[in-house]
């Protein structure tokens, strides 16, 4: 049996012997939007829970938060019609009154080359700001009820009309992305991100849960304090094509889009698997090791205790986070790292090392990647070729074996176990 898995912009092939139980987990199919731009216009005509642009007083300034290139949001497709509509709705608005804030949270700020890949060519004279969580000037909006300091990029915070564009995707401890997340994480200060993400260790902070998830609820509250007016969110299929688009109040848009995302990417299984083969879903989901970790989380949900997992992630941009890379080097093994993290104050970047360690201390994990054996070993991870690793596991296994293939592990989550 031959199976293909996405790997960066390419595909890998895995051969499995006949007679082996193999369950392939893929997102459900949904029709792509015939005209995403028309859907955007319809969403702006009747936004969920708020008035349209045309129903508002003309703002003196506008800020639009946009995701960086680690998110496959169709910025080049949807930003131009949004800008056109803004200038039509508010004729007194000038290009320099509109700021496009490209936010990536604690990712390095987007450089000129990255901005060229993200943004369309005609920006109507709008200002472009690459958010830097550590160095950008911030504006404070107080503190959430859970103690998170609400500090976001000053250019965004100072705008009279605040818009955020992004995608709704399953997230291992936020529940779902989308809503105000592109601002309250994407354009936030380092202390704000750390304070919000420290709650990831709570039981309710898991993929698919937005009802009592403290991380998600804290984000929603932050968005309200900042005064994010409109979220424009899309749901994408595995080929990164929009299947749904919604606009309106951030928390309401996220909730509506999460239902569609859960339908597409929510998975179920009857009993756990001996071997799990997990592809992140290709670029940009496996753009770096830091991002690829999310696929490992889905794999652990369906693997037997002590089971075997191979994560397929190209990591064309390397490790992806200096804090993470330096943190793992401080510890001789994943066990000591996990113990130290649990006993210490929460630290962003280090949290990714903890999430890796949580998996590798409970399962046998290997990584098929362009990263070298030495680079992975520094992160307490073991490199393994996809085909030979699986062949070796099968040869050593006694009795019937059950294999799970996760084709979009970064976006998928299991709803029942």
Protein backbone atom coordinates (compact mmCIF):
# COMPACT_ATOMS: atom_id res chain seq x y z
CA UNK A 1 0.00 0.00 0.00
CA UNK A 2 1.39 3.38 -1.02
CA UNK A 3 0.53 6.56 0.87
CA UNK A 4 1.58 10.15 0.16
CA UNK A 5 2.25 12.77 2.81
CA UNK A 6 2.85 16.50 2.38
CA UNK A 7 6.38 17.65 3.15
CA UNK A 8 7.11 21.35 2.66
CA UNK A 9 5.99 22.09 -0.89
CA UNK A 10 6.59 18.49 -1.93
CA UNK A 11 5.23 15.03 -1.13
CA UNK A 12 6.76 11.92 0.41
CA UNK A 13 5.70 8.37 -0.29
CA UNK A 14 5.35 5.70 2.39
CA UNK A 15 5.01 2.02 1.47
CA UNK A 16 3.16 -0.16 3.97
CA UNK A 17 2.73 -3.94 3.65
CA UNK A 18 -0.60 -5.54 2.81
CA UNK A 19 -2.50 -6.91 5.78
CA UNK A 20 -1.45 -4.17 8.21
CA UNK A 21 -4.33 -2.20 9.73
CA UNK A 22 -3.91 1.38 8.53
CA UNK A 23 -6.40 4.13 9.32
CA UNK A 24 -5.89 7.30 7.30
CA UNK A 25 -7.12 10.48 8.95
CA UNK A 26 -7.85 13.37 6.64
CA UNK A 27 -10.03 16.46 6.93
CA UNK A 28 -13.56 16.14 5.62
CA UNK A 29 -14.33 17.59 2.23
CA UNK A 30 -16.16 20.86 1.80
CA UNK A 31 -16.81 22.93 -1.31
CA UNK A 32 -14.47 25.87 -1.79
CA UNK A 33 -15.96 29.32 -2.00
CA UNK A 34 -16.73 30.08 -5.63
CA UNK A 35 -15.88 33.75 -5.10
CA UNK A 36 -14.09 34.57 -1.82
CA UNK A 37 -14.06 38.28 -2.63
CA UNK A 38 -17.83 38.30 -3.09
CA UNK A 39 -18.12 36.42 0.20
CA UNK A 40 -15.99 39.11 1.85
CA UNK A 41 -18.26 41.83 0.51
CA UNK A 42 -21.33 39.96 1.75
CA UNK A 43 -19.74 39.57 5.17
CA UNK A 44 -18.98 43.28 5.34
CA UNK A 45 -22.53 44.09 4.20
CA UNK A 46 -24.00 42.23 7.19
CA UNK A 47 -21.25 41.64 9.77
CA UNK A 48 -22.03 39.37 12.71
CA UNK A 49 -23.00 41.36 15.78
CA UNK A 50 -21.96 44.84 14.65
CA UNK A 51 -22.68 47.57 12.13
CA UNK A 52 -21.19 47.70 8.66
CA UNK A 53 -18.38 50.06 7.69
CA UNK A 54 -20.88 52.29 5.95
CA UNK A 55 -22.93 52.58 9.14
CA UNK A 56 -20.01 53.97 11.14
CA UNK A 57 -18.71 57.49 11.55
CA UNK A 58 -15.62 58.14 9.47
CA UNK A 59 -12.51 57.27 11.52
CA UNK A 60 -9.42 59.43 11.48
CA UNK A 61 -7.23 56.34 11.50
CA UNK A 62 -7.53 52.61 10.75
CA UNK A 63 -5.30 49.69 11.65
CA UNK A 64 -5.54 46.23 10.12
CA UNK A 65 -3.72 43.36 11.84
CA UNK A 66 -2.42 40.74 9.40
CA UNK A 67 -0.76 37.36 10.01
CA UNK A 68 2.85 36.64 9.11
CA UNK A 69 3.88 33.98 6.60
CA UNK A 70 3.58 31.10 9.07
CA UNK A 71 -0.18 31.35 8.50
CA UNK A 72 -1.60 30.58 5.02
CA UNK A 73 -4.19 33.36 5.19
CA UNK A 74 -4.96 34.65 1.65
CA UNK A 75 -3.82 38.22 2.34
CA UNK A 76 -3.02 38.99 -1.28
CA UNK A 77 -6.54 37.99 -2.30
CA UNK A 78 -8.59 39.63 0.46
CA UNK A 79 -6.68 42.73 1.54
CA UNK A 80 -7.09 44.70 -1.73
CA UNK A 81 -10.92 44.53 -1.77
CA UNK A 82 -11.02 45.40 1.94
CA UNK A 83 -8.87 48.48 1.36
CA UNK A 84 -10.99 49.49 -1.62
CA UNK A 85 -14.13 49.21 0.46
CA UNK A 86 -12.59 51.21 3.32
CA UNK A 87 -11.73 54.12 1.04
CA UNK A 88 -15.15 54.00 -0.58
CA UNK A 89 -16.93 53.94 2.79
CA UNK A 90 -14.78 56.75 4.17
CA UNK A 91 -13.83 59.16 1.33
CA UNK A 92 -11.92 61.45 3.71
CA UNK A 93 -9.55 58.61 4.64
CA UNK A 94 -6.06 58.89 3.16
CA UNK A 95 -3.60 56.08 2.53
CA UNK A 96 -1.29 57.27 5.29
CA UNK A 97 -4.21 57.07 7.74
CA UNK A 98 -4.32 53.27 7.35
CA UNK A 99 -1.72 51.05 9.00
CA UNK A 100 -1.14 47.42 8.05
CA UNK A 101 0.38 45.75 11.10
CA UNK A 102 1.93 42.38 10.27
CA UNK A 103 2.00 40.48 13.52
CA UNK A 104 3.64 37.20 14.35
CA UNK A 105 3.62 37.22 18.14
CA UNK A 106 7.10 36.27 19.31
CA UNK A 107 8.24 35.25 15.83
CA UNK A 108 10.99 37.50 14.46
CA UNK A 109 9.41 40.58 12.83
CA UNK A 110 8.76 40.22 9.12
CA UNK A 111 11.61 41.57 7.00
CA UNK A 112 11.32 43.16 3.56
CA UNK A 113 11.48 39.83 1.74
CA UNK A 114 8.77 38.32 3.93
CA UNK A 115 6.55 41.39 3.54
CA UNK A 116 6.91 41.12 -0.23
CA UNK A 117 5.68 37.53 -0.06
CA UNK A 118 2.77 38.38 2.24
CA UNK A 119 1.40 41.66 0.91
CA UNK A 120 -0.12 42.63 -2.45
CA UNK A 121 1.73 45.14 -4.59
CA UNK A 122 -0.79 47.99 -4.49
CA UNK A 123 -1.27 49.16 -0.91
CA UNK A 124 -2.86 52.53 -1.77
CA UNK A 125 -0.19 54.35 0.21
CA UNK A 126 -0.95 52.55 3.48
CA UNK A 127 1.76 52.32 6.11
CA UNK A 128 3.27 48.89 6.77
CA UNK A 129 4.41 47.98 10.28
CA UNK A 130 6.28 44.79 11.16
CA UNK A 131 5.35 44.07 14.75
CA UNK A 132 8.16 43.25 17.16
CA UNK A 133 6.89 41.87 20.47
CA UNK A 134 10.13 42.82 22.23
CA UNK A 135 10.90 46.24 20.79
CA UNK A 136 7.82 47.85 19.19
CA UNK A 137 6.22 50.73 21.16
CA UNK A 138 3.14 49.43 22.97
CA UNK A 139 -0.14 50.84 24.21
CA UNK A 140 -1.66 49.51 27.41
CA UNK A 141 -5.34 48.71 27.82
CA UNK A 142 -5.27 47.56 31.43
CA UNK A 143 -5.37 44.01 32.73
CA UNK A 144 -7.74 41.09 32.14
CA UNK A 145 -9.64 39.39 34.96
CA UNK A 146 -7.04 36.58 34.77
CA UNK A 147 -4.15 38.99 35.30
CA UNK A 148 -2.89 39.37 31.73
CA UNK A 149 -1.43 42.82 30.97
CA UNK A 150 -3.10 43.98 27.76
CA UNK A 151 -0.32 45.63 25.72
CA UNK A 152 -0.40 45.79 21.95
CA UNK A 153 1.49 47.52 19.17
CA UNK A 154 0.95 51.26 19.66
CA UNK A 155 0.21 51.89 15.99
CA UNK A 156 -2.63 49.37 16.21
CA UNK A 157 -3.79 50.43 19.66
CA UNK A 158 -3.99 54.12 18.73
CA UNK A 159 -6.20 53.59 15.66
CA UNK A 160 -9.84 54.63 15.84
CA UNK A 161 -11.07 51.69 13.73
CA UNK A 162 -9.42 48.36 14.49
CA UNK A 163 -9.69 45.38 12.13
CA UNK A 164 -8.03 41.98 12.30
CA UNK A 165 -7.74 39.44 9.50
CA UNK A 166 -6.84 35.80 10.06
CA UNK A 167 -7.78 32.16 9.82
CA UNK A 168 -9.60 29.89 12.23
CA UNK A 169 -7.63 26.74 12.84
CA UNK A 170 -7.59 24.13 15.60
CA UNK A 171 -4.96 24.99 18.22
CA UNK A 172 -3.50 22.65 20.79
CA UNK A 173 -4.18 24.88 23.80
CA UNK A 174 -6.08 27.93 22.51
CA UNK A 175 -8.90 25.68 21.26
CA UNK A 176 -9.19 27.50 17.96
CA UNK A 177 -7.28 30.41 16.47
CA UNK A 178 -9.07 33.38 14.97
CA UNK A 179 -11.17 36.13 16.48
CA UNK A 180 -8.97 38.68 18.22
CA UNK A 181 -5.94 36.35 18.39
CA UNK A 182 -4.18 38.08 15.51
CA UNK A 183 -4.06 41.18 17.71
CA UNK A 184 -3.89 39.91 21.29
CA UNK A 185 -1.09 37.49 20.41
CA UNK A 186 0.04 38.54 16.94
CA UNK A 187 0.50 42.22 17.83
CA UNK A 188 1.06 41.86 21.59
CA UNK A 189 3.99 42.48 23.91
CA UNK A 190 6.14 39.62 25.16
CA UNK A 191 4.77 39.93 28.75
CA UNK A 192 1.19 39.79 27.44
CA UNK A 193 1.83 36.68 25.37
CA UNK A 194 3.59 34.94 28.24
CA UNK A 195 0.84 35.81 30.72
CA UNK A 196 -1.84 34.46 28.41
CA UNK A 197 0.03 31.31 27.42
CA UNK A 198 0.99 30.38 30.98
CA UNK A 199 -2.56 28.98 31.27
CA UNK A 200 -1.78 26.31 28.65
CA UNK A 201 -1.01 23.89 31.48
CA UNK A 202 -4.63 23.93 32.68
CA UNK A 203 -6.73 20.90 31.76
CA UNK A 204 -9.35 22.84 29.81
CA UNK A 205 -6.68 24.39 27.56
CA UNK A 206 -6.92 21.90 24.70
CA UNK A 207 -7.69 21.71 21.00
CA UNK A 208 -11.31 22.20 20.06
CA UNK A 209 -12.42 23.66 23.40
CA UNK A 210 -13.52 27.29 23.56
CA UNK A 211 -16.25 27.03 26.21
CA UNK A 212 -14.18 26.97 29.41
CA UNK A 213 -10.71 27.28 27.94
CA UNK A 214 -8.89 29.93 30.04
CA UNK A 215 -6.42 30.78 27.25
CA UNK A 216 -9.19 31.40 24.73
CA UNK A 217 -11.44 33.29 27.16
CA UNK A 218 -8.53 35.51 28.17
CA UNK A 219 -7.92 36.32 24.51
CA UNK A 220 -11.56 37.21 23.99
CA UNK A 221 -11.51 39.53 27.01
CA UNK A 222 -8.28 41.16 25.80
CA UNK A 223 -9.84 41.84 22.42
CA UNK A 224 -12.77 43.57 24.09
CA UNK A 225 -10.48 45.75 26.22
CA UNK A 226 -8.49 46.78 23.14
CA UNK A 227 -11.69 47.50 21.24
CA UNK A 228 -11.11 45.33 18.19
CA UNK A 229 -14.05 46.31 16.00
CA UNK A 230 -14.14 43.76 13.21
CA UNK A 231 -12.57 40.36 12.62
CA UNK A 232 -12.43 38.90 9.12
CA UNK A 233 -11.79 35.17 9.44
CA UNK A 234 -11.53 32.38 6.92
CA UNK A 235 -11.67 28.61 7.23
CA UNK A 236 -9.29 26.88 4.81
CA UNK A 237 -9.33 23.38 3.40
CA UNK A 238 -6.13 21.26 3.36
CA UNK A 239 -5.18 22.86 0.04
CA UNK A 240 -5.39 26.30 1.67
CA UNK A 241 -8.50 27.27 -0.25
CA UNK A 242 -11.23 29.23 1.60
CA UNK A 243 -14.35 27.20 2.37
CA UNK A 244 -15.93 29.81 4.68
CA UNK A 245 -15.48 33.52 5.35
CA UNK A 246 -17.08 35.56 8.10
CA UNK A 247 -16.84 39.11 9.38
CA UNK A 248 -18.03 40.84 12.52
CA UNK A 249 -17.45 40.91 16.28
CA UNK A 250 -14.25 38.89 16.87
CA UNK A 251 -15.53 36.41 19.47
CA UNK A 252 -18.75 35.76 17.53
CA UNK A 253 -16.91 35.31 14.23
CA UNK A 254 -14.43 32.93 15.83
CA UNK A 255 -17.22 30.86 17.37
CA UNK A 256 -19.10 30.57 14.06
CA UNK A 257 -15.96 29.73 12.11
CA UNK A 258 -14.85 27.24 14.78
CA UNK A 259 -17.98 25.19 14.13
CA UNK A 260 -17.00 24.84 10.48
CA UNK A 261 -13.36 24.16 11.38
CA UNK A 262 -14.40 21.49 13.88
CA UNK A 263 -16.54 19.82 11.25
CA UNK A 264 -13.65 19.70 8.78
CA UNK A 265 -10.74 18.86 11.06
CA UNK A 266 -12.28 17.13 14.08
CA UNK A 267 -11.40 13.42 14.10
CA UNK A 268 -12.49 10.33 16.04
CA UNK A 269 -10.91 6.93 16.69
CA UNK A 270 -12.05 3.78 18.44
CA UNK A 271 -8.82 2.61 20.09
CA UNK A 272 -5.26 3.97 20.20
CA UNK A 273 -2.56 3.02 17.70
CA UNK A 274 0.79 1.26 17.95
CA UNK A 275 2.38 3.50 15.33
CA UNK A 276 1.36 7.03 14.32
CA UNK A 277 2.72 8.70 11.19
CA UNK A 278 1.95 12.42 11.30
CA UNK A 279 2.52 14.93 8.54
CA UNK A 280 2.14 18.56 9.60
CA UNK A 281 0.37 19.16 6.29
CA UNK A 282 3.24 20.72 4.38
CA UNK A 283 4.27 24.37 4.13
CA UNK A 284 3.81 26.66 5.97
CA UNK A 285 2.71 24.30 8.75
CA UNK A 286 6.15 22.68 8.78
CA UNK A 287 8.12 25.82 7.95
CA UNK A 288 10.22 25.35 11.09
CA UNK A 289 10.52 22.99 14.03
CA UNK A 290 8.82 25.48 16.35
CA UNK A 291 5.66 25.40 14.21
CA UNK A 292 5.86 21.68 13.47
CA UNK A 293 5.46 20.75 17.13
CA UNK A 294 1.70 21.25 16.84
CA UNK A 295 1.47 18.15 14.67
CA UNK A 296 3.08 16.11 17.39
CA UNK A 297 0.30 17.09 19.78
CA UNK A 298 -2.35 15.54 17.51
CA UNK A 299 -0.26 12.39 17.15
CA UNK A 300 -0.04 11.88 20.91
CA UNK A 301 -3.81 12.05 21.18
CA UNK A 302 -4.26 8.81 19.24
CA UNK A 303 -1.10 6.85 20.10
CA UNK A 304 -0.94 4.08 22.68
CA UNK A 305 0.95 4.91 25.90
CA UNK A 306 4.58 4.29 25.01
CA UNK A 307 3.64 4.01 21.34
CA UNK A 308 5.75 5.06 18.37
CA UNK A 309 5.35 8.37 16.51
CA UNK A 310 7.17 9.77 13.50
CA UNK A 311 6.57 13.43 12.70
CA UNK A 312 7.03 14.46 9.06
CA UNK A 313 8.17 18.09 8.96
CA UNK A 314 10.58 19.63 6.47
CA UNK A 315 11.57 22.68 8.61
CA UNK A 316 12.96 24.67 5.67
CA UNK A 317 13.57 27.66 7.98
CA UNK A 318 15.34 25.61 10.62
CA UNK A 319 14.53 25.58 14.34
CA UNK A 320 12.51 28.78 14.17
CA UNK A 321 12.94 30.32 17.63
CA UNK A 322 16.12 31.36 19.43
CA UNK A 323 14.62 31.22 22.93
CA UNK A 324 13.47 27.64 22.37
CA UNK A 325 16.82 26.67 20.88
CA UNK A 326 18.82 28.14 23.76
CA UNK A 327 16.49 26.76 26.42
CA UNK A 328 16.79 23.12 25.34
CA UNK A 329 20.58 23.35 25.41
CA UNK A 330 20.48 24.00 29.16
CA UNK A 331 19.29 20.48 29.95
CA UNK A 332 20.91 17.08 29.37
CA UNK A 333 17.66 15.35 28.43
CA UNK A 334 13.94 15.83 27.88
CA UNK A 335 13.09 14.45 31.32
CA UNK A 336 15.14 17.06 33.17
CA UNK A 337 13.81 19.81 30.90
CA UNK A 338 10.19 18.81 31.55
CA UNK A 339 10.76 18.70 35.31
CA UNK A 340 12.48 22.11 35.35
CA UNK A 341 9.79 23.77 33.24
CA UNK A 342 7.00 22.49 35.49
CA UNK A 343 8.78 23.88 38.54
CA UNK A 344 9.57 27.30 37.04
CA UNK A 345 7.63 30.43 36.04
CA UNK A 346 6.18 30.18 32.53
CA UNK A 347 8.44 31.34 29.69
CA UNK A 348 7.49 31.68 26.05
CA UNK A 349 9.72 29.78 23.66
CA UNK A 350 10.63 27.46 26.50
CA UNK A 351 7.01 26.29 26.47
CA UNK A 352 7.58 24.73 23.06
CA UNK A 353 10.49 22.72 24.48
CA UNK A 354 8.17 21.56 27.26
CA UNK A 355 5.51 20.47 24.76
CA UNK A 356 8.09 18.46 22.82
CA UNK A 357 9.38 16.94 26.05
CA UNK A 358 5.89 16.05 27.19
CA UNK A 359 5.58 13.93 24.05
CA UNK A 360 9.07 12.41 23.93
CA UNK A 361 8.98 11.32 27.57
CA UNK A 362 5.76 9.39 27.02
CA UNK A 363 6.22 8.07 23.47
CA UNK A 364 9.03 6.96 21.17
CA UNK A 365 9.30 9.91 18.79
CA UNK A 366 11.35 10.39 15.63
CA UNK A 367 11.41 13.33 13.21
CA UNK A 368 11.72 13.04 9.42
CA UNK A 369 13.13 16.45 8.51
CA UNK A 370 15.68 18.38 6.49
CA UNK A 371 17.20 19.37 9.83
CA UNK A 372 20.44 17.56 10.59
CA UNK A 373 20.75 14.77 13.11
CA UNK A 374 22.93 17.06 15.23
CA UNK A 375 20.47 19.97 15.20
CA UNK A 376 17.62 17.70 16.27
CA UNK A 377 19.77 16.03 18.93
CA UNK A 378 20.47 19.46 20.46
CA UNK A 379 16.70 19.74 20.86
CA UNK A 380 16.54 16.27 22.47
CA UNK A 381 14.86 14.91 19.35
CA UNK A 382 15.84 11.93 17.23
CA UNK A 383 16.07 12.08 13.45
CA UNK A 384 14.59 9.18 11.51
CA UNK A 385 13.95 8.45 7.86
CA UNK A 386 10.22 7.93 7.30
CA UNK A 387 10.34 4.65 5.37
CA UNK A 388 13.19 2.94 7.19
CA UNK A 389 11.88 3.98 10.61
CA UNK A 390 8.42 2.57 9.98
CA UNK A 391 9.91 -0.57 8.40
CA UNK A 392 12.04 -1.10 11.51
CA UNK A 393 9.12 -0.62 13.86
CA UNK A 394 7.01 -3.09 11.90
CA UNK A 395 9.79 -5.68 11.85
CA UNK A 396 10.26 -5.44 15.61
CA UNK A 397 6.56 -5.52 16.47
CA UNK A 398 5.04 -8.74 17.78
CA UNK A 399 1.45 -9.53 16.84
CA UNK A 400 -1.11 -7.44 14.96
CA UNK A 401 -0.15 -3.79 14.48
CA UNK A 402 -2.38 -0.77 14.05
CA UNK A 403 -1.10 2.33 12.23
CA UNK A 404 -2.62 5.79 12.08
CA UNK A 405 -1.68 8.19 9.25
CA UNK A 406 -2.44 11.83 10.05
CA UNK A 407 -2.24 13.82 6.84
CA UNK A 408 -2.88 17.27 8.33
CA UNK A 409 -1.74 16.83 11.90
CA UNK A 410 -1.16 20.53 12.64
CA UNK A 411 -4.76 21.42 11.83
CA UNK A 412 -6.49 18.27 13.06
CA UNK A 413 -7.63 17.29 16.53
CA UNK A 414 -9.42 14.33 18.05
CA UNK A 415 -12.84 14.98 19.52
CA UNK A 416 -13.21 11.60 21.28
CA UNK A 417 -10.86 9.04 22.73
